[in-house]
Amino acid sequence: MTEKKTPAASGKPMFYDPTEHRIRSFVTRAGRLSTAQARAIETLGPQFCIPYAKAPLDIEGAFDRSAPTI
């Protein structure tokens, strides 16, 4: 097993291999739902999701309680 030595001054390895941290592919994952995720949103959404409104959210009304917010 080889060890990478790190000099105290620079914090970089003494033996750098540029292929070690190379990005090999890019995959767009946004906007994909599995069948189970879509089914969960459909069945549990009405119970747990807050409907979108183009207005500031009334937090006390949405959660039916008054508490400090951050």
PDB file of N, CA and C in Angstrom:
ATOM      1  N   MET A   1       0.855  -1.181   0.000  1.00  0.00           N
ATOM      2  CA  MET A   1       0.000   0.000   0.000  1.00  0.00           C
ATOM      3  C   MET A   1       0.894   1.234   0.000  1.00  0.00           C
ATOM      4  N   THR A   2       0.561   2.207  -0.820  1.00  0.00           N
ATOM      5  CA  THR A   2       1.361   3.422  -0.876  1.00  0.00           C
ATOM      6  C   THR A   2       0.703   4.493  -0.037  1.00  0.00           C
ATOM      7  N   GLU A   3       1.513   5.285   0.580  1.00  0.00           N
ATOM      8  CA  GLU A   3       1.014   6.384   1.400  1.00  0.00           C
ATOM      9  C   GLU A   3       1.345   7.693   0.723  1.00  0.00           C
ATOM     10  N   LYS A   4       0.474   8.657   0.865  1.00  0.00           N
ATOM     11  CA  LYS A   4       0.750   9.994   0.357  1.00  0.00           C
ATOM     12  C   LYS A   4       1.326  10.817   1.494  1.00  0.00           C
ATOM     13  N   LYS A   5       2.461  11.372   1.242  1.00  0.00           N
ATOM     14  CA  LYS A   5       3.105  12.232   2.232  1.00  0.00           C
ATOM     15  C   LYS A   5       2.619  13.655   2.007  1.00  0.00           C
ATOM     16  N   THR A   6       2.267  14.336   3.063  1.00  0.00           N
ATOM     17  CA  THR A   6       1.787  15.706   2.969  1.00  0.00           C
ATOM     18  C   THR A   6       2.773  16.636   3.653  1.00  0.00           C
ATOM     19  N   PRO A   7       3.442  17.494   2.879  1.00  0.00           N
ATOM     20  CA  PRO A   7       4.339  18.461   3.510  1.00  0.00           C
ATOM     21  C   PRO A   7       3.536  19.442   4.356  1.00  0.00           C
ATOM     22  N   ALA A   8       4.057  19.791   5.497  1.00  0.00           N
ATOM     23  CA  ALA A   8       3.350  20.672   6.427  1.00  0.00           C
ATOM     24  C   ALA A   8       3.146  22.067   5.851  1.00  0.00           C
ATOM     25  N   ALA A   9       4.084  22.551   5.043  1.00  0.00           N
ATOM     26  CA  ALA A   9       4.011  23.920   4.551  1.00  0.00           C
ATOM     27  C   ALA A   9       2.896  24.121   3.528  1.00  0.00           C
ATOM     28  N   SER A  10       2.755  23.231   2.562  1.00  0.00           N
ATOM     29  CA  SER A  10       1.800  23.471   1.483  1.00  0.00           C
ATOM     30  C   SER A  10       0.459  22.781   1.693  1.00  0.00           C
ATOM     31  N   GLY A  11       0.435  21.666   2.419  1.00  0.00           N
ATOM     32  CA  GLY A  11      -0.795  20.923   2.607  1.00  0.00           C
ATOM     33  C   GLY A  11      -1.163  20.072   1.409  1.00  0.00           C
ATOM     34  N   LYS A  12      -0.310  20.043   0.355  1.00  0.00           N
ATOM     35  CA  LYS A  12      -0.571  19.241  -0.834  1.00  0.00           C
ATOM     36  C   LYS A  12       0.252  17.958  -0.778  1.00  0.00           C
ATOM     37  N   PRO A  13      -0.253  16.883  -1.357  1.00  0.00           N
ATOM     38  CA  PRO A  13       0.515  15.639  -1.371  1.00  0.00           C
ATOM     39  C   PRO A  13       1.806  15.805  -2.155  1.00  0.00           C
ATOM     40  N   MET A  14       2.851  15.111  -1.730  1.00  0.00           N
ATOM     41  CA  MET A  14       4.125  15.161  -2.441  1.00  0.00           C
ATOM     42  C   MET A  14       4.016  14.464  -3.792  1.00  0.00           C
ATOM     43  N   PHE A  15       3.204  13.436  -3.886  1.00  0.00           N
ATOM     44  CA  PHE A  15       3.046  12.687  -5.121  1.00  0.00           C
ATOM     45  C   PHE A  15       1.610  12.869  -5.596  1.00  0.00           C
ATOM     46  N   TYR A  16       1.415  13.747  -6.564  1.00  0.00           N
ATOM     47  CA  TYR A  16       0.071  14.071  -7.033  1.00  0.00           C
ATOM     48  C   TYR A  16      -0.218  13.315  -8.320  1.00  0.00           C
ATOM     49  N   ASP A  17      -1.329  12.649  -8.361  1.00  0.00           N
ATOM     50  CA  ASP A  17      -1.766  11.928  -9.548  1.00  0.00           C
ATOM     51  C   ASP A  17      -3.013  12.634 -10.079  1.00  0.00           C
ATOM     52  N   PRO A  18      -2.900  13.386 -11.202  1.00  0.00           N
ATOM     53  CA  PRO A  18      -4.050  14.159 -11.687  1.00  0.00           C
ATOM     54  C   PRO A  18      -5.234  13.303 -12.115  1.00  0.00           C
ATOM     55  N   THR A  19      -5.009  12.040 -12.443  1.00  0.00           N
ATOM     56  CA  THR A  19      -6.127  11.186 -12.855  1.00  0.00           C
ATOM     57  C   THR A  19      -6.947  10.712 -11.666  1.00  0.00           C
ATOM     58  N   GLU A  20      -6.413  10.845 -10.468  1.00  0.00           N
ATOM     59  CA  GLU A  20      -7.109  10.349  -9.280  1.00  0.00           C
ATOM     60  C   GLU A  20      -8.407  11.105  -9.003  1.00  0.00           C
ATOM     61  N   HIS A  21      -8.448  12.405  -9.279  1.00  0.00           N
ATOM     62  CA  HIS A  21      -9.618  13.224  -8.964  1.00  0.00           C
ATOM     63  C   HIS A  21     -10.310  13.725 -10.230  1.00  0.00           C
ATOM     64  N   ARG A  22     -10.123  13.051 -11.326  1.00  0.00           N
ATOM     65  CA  ARG A  22     -10.698  13.478 -12.593  1.00  0.00           C
ATOM     66  C   ARG A  22     -12.208  13.200 -12.609  1.00  0.00           C
ATOM     67  N   ILE A  23     -12.969  14.156 -13.111  1.00  0.00           N
ATOM     68  CA  ILE A  23     -14.408  13.956 -13.271  1.00  0.00           C
ATOM     69  C   ILE A  23     -14.601  13.124 -14.530  1.00  0.00           C
ATOM     70  N   ARG A  24     -15.291  12.019 -14.417  1.00  0.00           N
ATOM     71  CA  ARG A  24     -15.397  11.086 -15.531  1.00  0.00           C
ATOM     72  C   ARG A  24     -16.661  11.260 -16.356  1.00  0.00           C
ATOM     73  N   SER A  25     -17.736  11.746 -15.771  1.00  0.00           N
ATOM     74  CA  SER A  25     -18.962  11.937 -16.538  1.00  0.00           C
ATOM     75  C   SER A  25     -19.855  12.952 -15.844  1.00  0.00           C
ATOM     76  N   PHE A  26     -20.755  13.477 -16.603  1.00  0.00           N
ATOM     77  CA  PHE A  26     -21.749  14.393 -16.062  1.00  0.00           C
ATOM     78  C   PHE A  26     -23.120  13.796 -16.354  1.00  0.00           C
ATOM     79  N   VAL A  27     -23.964  13.728 -15.359  1.00  0.00           N
ATOM     80  CA  VAL A  27     -25.289  13.157 -15.534  1.00  0.00           C
ATOM     81  C   VAL A  27     -26.309  14.147 -14.998  1.00  0.00           C
ATOM     82  N   THR A  28     -27.272  14.495 -15.823  1.00  0.00           N
ATOM     83  CA  THR A  28     -28.349  15.370 -15.373  1.00  0.00           C
ATOM     84  C   THR A  28     -29.373  14.521 -14.642  1.00  0.00           C
ATOM     85  N   ARG A  29     -29.583  14.803 -13.380  1.00  0.00           N
ATOM     86  CA  ARG A  29     -30.508  14.013 -12.587  1.00  0.00           C
ATOM     87  C   ARG A  29     -31.748  14.808 -12.165  1.00  0.00           C
ATOM     88  N   ALA A  30     -31.790  16.071 -12.472  1.00  0.00           N
ATOM     89  CA  ALA A  30     -32.915  16.899 -12.044  1.00  0.00           C
ATOM     90  C   ALA A  30     -34.193  16.513 -12.780  1.00  0.00           C
ATOM     91  N   GLY A  31     -35.294  16.536 -12.070  1.00  0.00           N
ATOM     92  CA  GLY A  31     -36.580  16.304 -12.685  1.00  0.00           C
ATOM     93  C   GLY A  31     -36.961  14.856 -12.886  1.00  0.00           C
ATOM     94  N   ARG A  32     -36.264  13.950 -12.258  1.00  0.00           N
ATOM     95  CA  ARG A  32     -36.591  12.536 -12.416  1.00  0.00           C
ATOM     96  C   ARG A  32     -37.167  11.987 -11.128  1.00  0.00           C
ATOM     97  N   LEU A  33     -38.314  11.373 -11.227  1.00  0.00           N
ATOM     98  CA  LEU A  33     -38.958  10.740 -10.079  1.00  0.00           C
ATOM     99  C   LEU A  33     -39.125   9.261 -10.378  1.00  0.00           C
ATOM    100  N   SER A  34     -38.860   8.449  -9.393  1.00  0.00           N
ATOM    101  CA  SER A  34     -39.149   7.027  -9.563  1.00  0.00           C
ATOM    102  C   SER A  34     -40.660   6.826  -9.443  1.00  0.00           C
ATOM    103  N   THR A  35     -41.115   5.664  -9.833  1.00  0.00           N
ATOM    104  CA  THR A  35     -42.540   5.343  -9.722  1.00  0.00           C
ATOM    105  C   THR A  35     -42.995   5.408  -8.272  1.00  0.00           C
ATOM    106  N   ALA A  36     -42.162   4.904  -7.361  1.00  0.00           N
ATOM    107  CA  ALA A  36     -42.515   4.918  -5.938  1.00  0.00           C
ATOM    108  C   ALA A  36     -42.579   6.342  -5.395  1.00  0.00           C
ATOM    109  N   GLN A  37     -41.655   7.207  -5.830  1.00  0.00           N
ATOM    110  CA  GLN A  37     -41.676   8.596  -5.371  1.00  0.00           C
ATOM    111  C   GLN A  37     -42.928   9.315  -5.868  1.00  0.00           C
ATOM    112  N   ALA A  38     -43.274   9.117  -7.121  1.00  0.00           N
ATOM    113  CA  ALA A  38     -44.480   9.747  -7.671  1.00  0.00           C
ATOM    114  C   ALA A  38     -45.726   9.255  -6.949  1.00  0.00           C
ATOM    115  N   ARG A  39     -45.793   7.966  -6.660  1.00  0.00           N
ATOM    116  CA  ARG A  39     -46.940   7.401  -5.939  1.00  0.00           C
ATOM    117  C   ARG A  39     -47.013   7.971  -4.522  1.00  0.00           C
ATOM    118  N   ALA A  40     -45.854   8.136  -3.858  1.00  0.00           N
ATOM    119  CA  ALA A  40     -45.839   8.688  -2.501  1.00  0.00           C
ATOM    120  C   ALA A  40     -46.325  10.132  -2.490  1.00  0.00           C
ATOM    121  N   ILE A  41     -45.899  10.921  -3.459  1.00  0.00           N
ATOM    122  CA  ILE A  41     -46.356  12.309  -3.529  1.00  0.00           C
ATOM    123  C   ILE A  41     -47.854  12.359  -3.792  1.00  0.00           C
ATOM    124  N   GLU A  42     -48.326  11.491  -4.665  1.00  0.00           N
ATOM    125  CA  GLU A  42     -49.756  11.472  -4.996  1.00  0.00           C
ATOM    126  C   GLU A  42     -50.616  11.063  -3.802  1.00  0.00           C
ATOM    127  N   THR A  43     -50.179  10.050  -3.061  1.00  0.00           N
ATOM    128  CA  THR A  43     -51.010   9.553  -1.961  1.00  0.00           C
ATOM    129  C   THR A  43     -50.801  10.321  -0.659  1.00  0.00           C
ATOM    130  N   LEU A  44     -49.578  10.756  -0.384  1.00  0.00           N
ATOM    131  CA  LEU A  44     -49.293  11.421   0.891  1.00  0.00           C
ATOM    132  C   LEU A  44     -49.203  12.942   0.780  1.00  0.00           C
ATOM    133  N   GLY A  45     -49.132  13.455  -0.441  1.00  0.00           N
ATOM    134  CA  GLY A  45     -49.023  14.894  -0.650  1.00  0.00           C
ATOM    135  C   GLY A  45     -50.110  15.704   0.017  1.00  0.00           C
ATOM    136  N   PRO A  46     -51.373  15.325  -0.130  1.00  0.00           N
ATOM    137  CA  PRO A  46     -52.427  16.111   0.512  1.00  0.00           C
ATOM    138  C   PRO A  46     -52.286  16.192   2.033  1.00  0.00           C
ATOM    139  N   GLN A  47     -51.683  15.199   2.635  1.00  0.00           N
ATOM    140  CA  GLN A  47     -51.525  15.187   4.088  1.00  0.00           C
ATOM    141  C   GLN A  47     -50.297  15.981   4.539  1.00  0.00           C
ATOM    142  N   PHE A  48     -49.209  15.972   3.748  1.00  0.00           N
ATOM    143  CA  PHE A  48     -47.949  16.534   4.217  1.00  0.00           C
ATOM    144  C   PHE A  48     -47.434  17.741   3.441  1.00  0.00           C
ATOM    145  N   CYS A  49     -47.949  18.026   2.258  1.00  0.00           N
ATOM    146  CA  CYS A  49     -47.438  19.125   1.435  1.00  0.00           C
ATOM    147  C   CYS A  49     -48.265  20.387   1.625  1.00  0.00           C
ATOM    148  N   ILE A  50     -47.599  21.532   1.574  1.00  0.00           N
ATOM    149  CA  ILE A  50     -48.274  22.827   1.641  1.00  0.00           C
ATOM    150  C   ILE A  50     -48.462  23.297   0.203  1.00  0.00           C
ATOM    151  N   PRO A  51     -49.692  23.591  -0.209  1.00  0.00           N
ATOM    152  CA  PRO A  51     -49.926  24.028  -1.590  1.00  0.00           C
ATOM    153  C   PRO A  51     -49.181  25.329  -1.893  1.00  0.00           C
ATOM    154  N   TYR A  52     -48.686  25.451  -3.122  1.00  0.00           N
ATOM    155  CA  TYR A  52     -47.982  26.657  -3.546  1.00  0.00           C
ATOM    156  C   TYR A  52     -48.967  27.808  -3.705  1.00  0.00           C
ATOM    157  N   ALA A  53     -48.553  28.985  -3.244  1.00  0.00           N
ATOM    158  CA  ALA A  53     -49.315  30.217  -3.457  1.00  0.00           C
ATOM    159  C   ALA A  53     -48.317  31.331  -3.735  1.00  0.00           C
ATOM    160  N   LYS A  54     -48.650  32.214  -4.648  1.00  0.00           N
ATOM    161  CA  LYS A  54     -47.751  33.308  -4.994  1.00  0.00           C
ATOM    162  C   LYS A  54     -47.918  34.448  -3.985  1.00  0.00           C
ATOM    163  N   ALA A  55     -47.654  34.132  -2.731  1.00  0.00           N
ATOM    164  CA  ALA A  55     -47.766  35.086  -1.630  1.00  0.00           C
ATOM    165  C   ALA A  55     -46.916  34.558  -0.475  1.00  0.00           C
ATOM    166  N   PRO A  56     -46.505  35.437   0.429  1.00  0.00           N
ATOM    167  CA  PRO A  56     -45.753  34.951   1.589  1.00  0.00           C
ATOM    168  C   PRO A  56     -46.560  33.924   2.385  1.00  0.00           C
ATOM    169  N   LEU A  57     -45.877  32.939   2.909  1.00  0.00           N
ATOM    170  CA  LEU A  57     -46.534  31.867   3.661  1.00  0.00           C
ATOM    171  C   LEU A  57     -46.889  32.343   5.067  1.00  0.00           C
ATOM    172  N   ASP A  58     -48.125  32.135   5.453  1.00  0.00           N
ATOM    173  CA  ASP A  58     -48.560  32.395   6.823  1.00  0.00           C
ATOM    174  C   ASP A  58     -48.159  31.171   7.642  1.00  0.00           C
ATOM    175  N   ILE A  59     -47.000  31.231   8.294  1.00  0.00           N
ATOM    176  CA  ILE A  59     -46.450  30.070   8.995  1.00  0.00           C
ATOM    177  C   ILE A  59     -47.348  29.635  10.146  1.00  0.00           C
ATOM    178  N   GLU A  60     -47.848  30.587  10.908  1.00  0.00           N
ATOM    179  CA  GLU A  60     -48.726  30.223  12.032  1.00  0.00           C
ATOM    180  C   GLU A  60     -49.991  29.532  11.535  1.00  0.00           C
ATOM    181  N   GLY A  61     -50.541  29.997  10.434  1.00  0.00           N
ATOM    182  CA  GLY A  61     -51.738  29.374   9.883  1.00  0.00           C
ATOM    183  C   GLY A  61     -51.446  28.015   9.254  1.00  0.00           C
ATOM    184  N   ALA A  62     -50.296  27.903   8.584  1.00  0.00           N
ATOM    185  CA  ALA A  62     -49.953  26.648   7.913  1.00  0.00           C
ATOM    186  C   ALA A  62     -49.705  25.524   8.905  1.00  0.00           C
ATOM    187  N   PHE A  63     -49.085  25.864  10.029  1.00  0.00           N
ATOM    188  CA  PHE A  63     -48.760  24.831  11.013  1.00  0.00           C
ATOM    189  C   PHE A  63     -49.694  24.845  12.219  1.00  0.00           C
ATOM    190  N   ASP A  64     -50.678  25.738  12.186  1.00  0.00           N
ATOM    191  CA  ASP A  64     -51.711  25.815  13.222  1.00  0.00           C
ATOM    192  C   ASP A  64     -51.126  25.950  14.621  1.00  0.00           C
ATOM    193  N   ARG A  65     -50.077  26.803  14.731  1.00  0.00           N
ATOM    194  CA  ARG A  65     -49.489  27.071  16.042  1.00  0.00           C
ATOM    195  C   ARG A  65     -48.633  28.323  15.957  1.00  0.00           C
ATOM    196  N   SER A  66     -48.349  28.903  17.108  1.00  0.00           N
ATOM    197  CA  SER A  66     -47.499  30.075  17.191  1.00  0.00           C
ATOM    198  C   SER A  66     -46.218  29.682  17.907  1.00  0.00           C
ATOM    199  N   ALA A  67     -45.078  29.900  17.245  1.00  0.00           N
ATOM    200  CA  ALA A  67     -43.784  29.546  17.829  1.00  0.00           C
ATOM    201  C   ALA A  67     -42.719  30.440  17.210  1.00  0.00           C
ATOM    202  N   PRO A  68     -41.580  30.588  17.878  1.00  0.00           N
ATOM    203  CA  PRO A  68     -40.499  31.387  17.290  1.00  0.00           C
ATOM    204  C   PRO A  68     -40.035  30.778  15.961  1.00  0.00           C
ATOM    205  N   THR A  69     -39.723  31.631  15.008  1.00  0.00           N
ATOM    206  CA  THR A  69     -39.214  31.169  13.719  1.00  0.00           C
ATOM    207  C   THR A  69     -37.846  31.775  13.463  1.00  0.00           C
ATOM    208  N   ILE A  70     -37.111  31.097  12.627  1.00  0.00           N
ATOM    209  CA  ILE A  70     -35.789  31.624  12.272  1.00  0.00           C
ATOM    210  C   ILE A  70     -35.723  31.883  10.790  1.00  0.00           C
TER     211      ILE A  70
END
